[in-house]
Structure formats: structure tokens, C-alpha cells
Amino acid sequence: MPVMLIHGALGSGEQLRPLAERIGPFDPILVELSGHGRKPIPPEGLSYARFLEDIAEAMEGHERVHLFGYSMGGYAAMLFAARYPERVASVCTLGSKLIWDEAGLQALLKRLDTDALAKHVPAYAERLAKEHGADRWRELVKATGELVTRDFHAPLLQPEVFAQVTCPVLVCSGDRDDMTLAKDTLEAAARFPKAGALILPQTKHPFDFVDLDLFVPFLRKLWTSAVPGSVKYGFSARP
């Protein structure tokens, strides 16, 4: 069964290629969300509705898949699984902020200041320019801020939506992730009907910090046990 890999905000399909190269024999599909990489920002801006269309398009030809979403991609994966439960065998998120508060929103918006990025982390700004276009990366950063602000005030992941994700779920974050805190990860996992939580040691938010030798076996366990006829899935790793 294929595994769809959904990148995070300001990333692209290439962000998760290192993971795609490590998950054999599972068949990886790299998803690129609208506004990112080679895809233009829609005239109406970024939206999770459009992201779900991106996932559905990438899924064409496959009846059912596993979903893996990093950061914002995990939020989109959960929304897709809630809307199309018959098409999703399992969901894993990593570093995905599924529970928001005002402090978390303001901390993220502070990081989405293009002038500050260019001044204080020029290497990252150059990376964004290379990945999304020198004339477009600032627009993407702004559109991302607008998306998360809009969703904070009218969140799509309501309690009833959590309840609609009935497949096995694994919610993960790093113990040194200052954006997706371990306590929020554990709280989010408790909201799903069938979920486990995993806190990765010595791991910060950027995907580059993830120890794939440690992480991939947990993914394989989820994907293997989530298919019909397998052993019952369920575990929780706490910090």
C-alpha cells in the first residue's frame, strides 16, 4: 500500500525525500502542496481546502493509502483522513501543531517575518528563495501567516473532526521541538479514537534533525499493523 508523504509549511515535496528513500518496501508518494515548490500560490491564497485537493490528485490511481504529514502537512493529513476515512489506512504526523493557543500563534507569526528571516537567518532565506523562487518566497511566507491566523480564529480540527479520524494514528514530536510541545502532542493523541504518541529524543522541529534510523521502525510498525489481518495496533511512547 502506498505511503503519501506531505511536507510542511515553506517546504516542498523534496523536503521528505530522505524519508522516502528509507521506507522500502512501502511505496512512497511525495506530495507537493499548492503554493510550494513548483506550484503557484492560488489567487485566493493558501487554504487547507486546496491542500486536500492536492492530496486527492496525488492519490489518483490508488484506492487507499497511508498518510504521513510533517508539520503543516500533518494537519492537512488529519483533515483528509476525517473527510475520506475509507481512503486512509493510517495517519502519522510529526511536528504538527494540532492544538493551538494564542502564545503558539504569536510565536509562529514572529518566525514568519520575512525581513527578520533575511537579516538573522540569511542561509534559510536563501534556501527559501532557491526552493520557491527569489521573487516568490516572501509572498509564500506571508500567505502561510495568513493561513495559520485564519485557522486559529476558525479552527478546522474541531472535536467532531478528531472523532472522524477512525484509522490508526501516530502523533509524534521531538522533545526539543519548541513549536510542537510534547505535552500538546500527548494531548492531541488522546483526542483520536485510535492513537498512539511518540516523543523523539534529542530532536528539534526542523525535519533535518530527525534521526531516521530511530524513527522509521515506528513508521513501519504503524503501516504494517494498520492493514486488515494484522496484529492490533496501539502503543504510546512518552518523554
Protein backbone atom coordinates (compact mmCIF):
# COMPACT_ATOMS: atom_id res chain seq x y z
CA MET A 1 0.00 0.00 0.00
CA PRO A 2 1.46 3.43 -0.90
CA VAL A 3 2.55 5.95 1.71
CA MET A 4 1.87 9.59 0.86
CA LEU A 5 4.46 11.97 2.32
CA ILE A 6 3.18 15.52 2.85
CA HIS A 7 5.71 18.26 3.53
CA GLY A 8 5.46 21.14 5.98
CA ALA A 9 4.95 24.88 5.63
CA LEU A 10 7.59 26.59 3.45
CA GLY A 11 8.81 23.16 2.36
CA SER A 12 8.25 21.17 -0.82
CA GLY A 13 7.99 17.59 -1.93
CA GLU A 14 11.78 17.33 -1.82
CA GLN A 15 11.78 18.03 1.93
CA LEU A 16 10.75 14.44 2.67
CA ARG A 17 12.84 12.68 0.03
CA PRO A 18 15.31 11.40 2.67
CA LEU A 19 12.37 9.66 4.35
CA ALA A 20 11.04 8.36 1.03
CA GLU A 21 14.39 6.71 0.37
CA ARG A 22 14.28 4.85 3.70
CA ILE A 23 10.80 3.34 3.88
CA GLY A 24 11.04 0.40 1.50
CA PRO A 25 9.25 -1.88 0.79
CA PHE A 26 6.45 0.67 1.20
CA ASP A 27 5.83 2.72 -1.96
CA PRO A 28 6.34 6.45 -1.23
CA ILE A 29 4.48 9.24 -3.00
CA LEU A 30 5.85 12.75 -2.46
CA VAL A 31 3.04 15.30 -2.34
CA GLU A 32 3.64 18.95 -3.20
CA LEU A 33 1.12 21.38 -1.77
CA SER A 34 -0.20 24.41 -3.63
CA GLY A 35 1.98 27.49 -3.33
CA HIS A 36 5.10 25.45 -2.56
CA GLY A 37 8.00 24.41 -4.75
CA ARG A 38 6.89 24.46 -8.37
CA LYS A 39 3.22 25.07 -7.62
CA PRO A 40 1.99 28.70 -7.72
CA ILE A 41 0.15 30.33 -4.86
CA PRO A 42 -3.58 30.25 -5.69
CA PRO A 43 -5.17 33.66 -6.36
CA GLU A 44 -7.25 33.26 -3.18
CA GLY A 45 -4.18 32.39 -1.12
CA LEU A 46 -3.27 29.19 0.69
CA SER A 47 -6.06 27.05 2.10
CA TYR A 48 -6.48 23.60 3.56
CA ALA A 49 -9.31 23.01 1.09
CA ARG A 50 -6.81 23.37 -1.73
CA PHE A 51 -4.28 21.20 0.12
CA LEU A 52 -6.86 18.40 0.34
CA GLU A 53 -7.32 18.68 -3.42
CA ASP A 54 -3.54 18.36 -3.82
CA ILE A 55 -3.55 15.17 -1.75
CA ALA A 56 -6.50 13.74 -3.68
CA GLU A 57 -4.78 14.48 -7.00
CA ALA A 58 -1.55 12.82 -5.86
CA MET A 59 -3.60 9.82 -4.70
CA GLU A 60 -5.16 9.28 -8.12
CA GLY A 61 -5.00 5.63 -9.13
CA HIS A 62 -4.82 4.36 -5.54
CA GLU A 63 -7.91 3.34 -3.57
CA ARG A 64 -6.31 3.51 -0.13
CA VAL A 65 -3.06 4.87 1.30
CA HIS A 66 -1.16 5.58 4.47
CA LEU A 67 -0.61 9.29 5.16
CA PHE A 68 2.49 10.83 6.72
CA GLY A 69 2.50 14.57 7.30
CA TYR A 70 5.29 16.73 8.64
CA SER A 71 4.32 19.94 10.48
CA MET A 72 1.56 21.68 8.48
CA GLY A 73 1.36 18.61 6.26
CA GLY A 74 0.22 16.57 9.25
CA TYR A 75 -2.65 18.98 9.89
CA ALA A 76 -3.72 18.57 6.25
CA ALA A 77 -3.38 14.79 6.53
CA MET A 78 -5.73 14.69 9.52
CA LEU A 79 -8.33 16.77 7.70
CA PHE A 80 -8.10 14.46 4.69
CA ALA A 81 -8.49 11.34 6.87
CA ALA A 82 -11.54 12.85 8.56
CA ARG A 83 -13.19 13.70 5.24
CA TYR A 84 -12.27 10.49 3.40
CA PRO A 85 -11.90 7.78 6.09
CA GLU A 86 -12.45 4.97 3.60
CA ARG A 87 -9.36 6.04 1.65
CA VAL A 88 -6.89 6.25 4.55
CA ALA A 89 -5.36 3.21 6.27
CA SER A 90 -3.37 5.17 8.87
CA VAL A 91 -2.06 8.65 9.65
CA CYS A 92 1.25 9.68 11.19
CA THR A 93 2.14 13.27 11.96
CA LEU A 94 5.49 14.68 13.03
CA GLY A 95 5.92 18.15 14.48
CA SER A 96 2.32 19.01 13.60
CA LYS A 97 0.63 21.60 15.78
CA LEU A 98 -2.84 20.07 16.17
CA ILE A 99 -3.75 22.13 19.26
CA TRP A 100 -3.27 25.90 19.12
CA ASP A 101 -3.25 28.73 21.65
CA GLU A 102 -2.58 32.45 21.31
CA ALA A 103 1.01 32.14 22.51
CA GLY A 104 1.73 29.46 19.93
CA LEU A 105 0.22 31.54 17.15
CA GLN A 106 2.22 34.65 18.03
CA ALA A 107 5.45 32.66 18.32
CA LEU A 108 4.92 31.24 14.84
CA LEU A 109 3.99 34.58 13.30
CA LYS A 110 7.19 36.05 14.74
CA ARG A 111 9.12 33.42 12.79
CA LEU A 112 7.22 34.33 9.63
CA ASP A 113 8.69 37.83 9.42
CA THR A 114 10.44 37.95 6.04
CA ASP A 115 12.68 40.89 6.90
CA ALA A 116 13.81 39.18 10.11
CA LEU A 117 14.44 35.93 8.22
CA ALA A 118 16.57 37.68 5.62
CA LYS A 119 18.53 39.56 8.29
CA HIS A 120 19.01 36.98 11.04
CA VAL A 121 18.91 33.64 9.18
CA PRO A 122 20.10 34.57 5.67
CA ALA A 123 21.04 30.97 4.84
CA TYR A 124 17.44 29.87 5.43
CA ALA A 125 16.11 32.83 3.44
CA GLU A 126 18.42 31.88 0.56
CA ARG A 127 17.16 28.30 0.79
CA LEU A 128 13.56 29.50 0.57
CA ALA A 129 14.42 31.68 -2.43
CA LYS A 130 16.06 28.74 -4.18
CA GLU A 131 13.20 26.36 -3.39
CA HIS A 132 10.24 28.63 -4.13
CA GLY A 133 11.67 31.40 -6.29
CA ALA A 134 13.58 34.58 -5.48
CA ASP A 135 10.53 36.65 -6.38
CA ARG A 136 8.01 34.44 -4.57
CA TRP A 137 9.34 33.20 -1.25
CA ARG A 138 8.30 36.33 0.64
CA GLU A 139 4.80 36.01 -0.77
CA LEU A 140 4.67 32.39 0.39
CA VAL A 141 5.79 33.28 3.91
CA LYS A 142 3.10 35.97 4.09
CA ALA A 143 0.43 33.62 2.75
CA THR A 144 1.42 30.99 5.33
CA GLY A 145 0.98 33.50 8.14
CA GLU A 146 -2.46 34.39 6.82
CA LEU A 147 -3.42 30.71 6.64
CA VAL A 148 -2.46 29.86 10.23
CA THR A 149 -4.06 33.05 11.56
CA ARG A 150 -7.31 32.28 9.75
CA ASP A 151 -7.34 28.71 11.02
CA PHE A 152 -6.57 29.83 14.58
CA HIS A 153 -9.68 32.00 14.65
CA ALA A 154 -11.84 29.38 12.90
CA PRO A 155 -10.07 26.05 13.54
CA LEU A 156 -10.89 23.19 11.19
CA LEU A 157 -9.77 20.46 13.60
CA GLN A 158 -12.79 20.62 15.90
CA PRO A 159 -13.57 17.81 18.41
CA GLU A 160 -16.00 16.20 15.98
CA VAL A 161 -13.29 16.16 13.29
CA PHE A 162 -10.83 14.40 15.60
CA ALA A 163 -13.53 11.78 16.20
CA GLN A 164 -13.93 11.19 12.46
CA VAL A 165 -10.33 10.02 12.10
CA THR A 166 -11.06 6.40 12.89
CA CYS A 167 -7.96 4.77 11.39
CA PRO A 168 -4.84 4.07 13.49
CA VAL A 169 -2.98 7.31 14.25
CA LEU A 170 0.52 8.05 15.49
CA VAL A 171 1.18 11.62 16.66
CA CYS A 172 4.88 12.48 17.01
CA SER A 173 7.10 15.36 18.03
CA GLY A 174 10.63 15.93 19.25
CA ASP A 175 11.46 16.53 22.89
CA ARG A 176 13.33 19.70 21.86
CA ASP A 177 10.67 20.97 19.48
CA ASP A 178 9.82 24.50 20.66
CA MET A 179 6.89 24.78 18.24
CA THR A 180 5.06 21.49 18.85
CA LEU A 181 5.46 20.79 22.55
CA ALA A 182 5.49 17.24 23.88
CA LYS A 183 2.54 17.92 26.19
CA ASP A 184 0.46 19.13 23.24
CA THR A 185 1.40 16.03 21.27
CA LEU A 186 0.20 13.76 24.07
CA GLU A 187 -2.99 15.79 24.47
CA ALA A 188 -3.70 15.65 20.74
CA ALA A 189 -3.21 11.88 20.62
CA ALA A 190 -5.81 11.46 23.36
CA ARG A 191 -8.44 13.10 21.15
CA PHE A 192 -8.39 10.43 18.45
CA PRO A 193 -10.31 7.14 18.74
CA LYS A 194 -7.22 5.01 17.97
CA ALA A 195 -3.96 6.86 18.52
CA GLY A 196 -0.52 6.49 19.98
CA ALA A 197 2.00 9.22 20.80
CA LEU A 198 5.74 9.20 20.19
CA ILE A 199 8.24 11.73 21.55
CA LEU A 200 11.58 11.52 19.77
CA PRO A 201 14.65 12.18 21.96
CA GLN A 202 17.10 14.99 21.25
CA THR A 203 15.01 16.17 18.31
CA LYS A 204 14.22 19.75 17.29
CA HIS A 205 11.44 20.86 14.95
CA PRO A 206 13.26 21.02 11.58
CA PHE A 207 12.99 17.74 9.69
CA ASP A 208 16.76 17.75 9.19
CA PHE A 209 17.14 16.95 12.91
CA VAL A 210 15.07 13.75 12.79
CA ASP A 211 17.05 10.55 13.35
CA LEU A 212 15.52 8.37 10.63
CA ASP A 213 17.27 5.25 11.95
CA LEU A 214 15.24 5.70 15.13
CA PHE A 215 12.02 6.97 13.56
CA VAL A 216 11.44 4.73 10.54
CA PRO A 217 10.92 1.48 12.55
CA PHE A 218 7.99 3.12 14.33
CA LEU A 219 6.50 4.08 10.97
CA ARG A 220 6.89 0.56 9.63
CA LYS A 221 5.18 -0.82 12.73
CA LEU A 222 2.24 1.52 12.19
CA TRP A 223 1.90 0.79 8.47
CA THR A 224 2.27 -2.97 8.89
CA SER A 225 -0.17 -3.30 11.77
CA ALA A 226 -2.80 -0.98 10.27
CA VAL A 227 -3.67 -3.31 7.38
CA PRO A 228 -6.50 -5.87 7.68
CA GLY A 229 -5.50 -9.18 9.24
CA SER A 230 -2.53 -7.76 11.14
CA VAL A 231 -1.97 -7.59 14.86
CA LYS A 232 -3.87 -4.88 16.69
CA TYR A 233 -2.08 -1.54 16.61
CA GLY A 234 -1.51 0.53 19.70
CA PHE A 235 1.38 1.96 21.67
CA SER A 236 2.36 5.17 23.38
CA ALA A 237 5.89 6.48 23.91
CA ARG A 238 6.18 9.27 26.44
CA PRO A 239 9.09 11.56 27.28
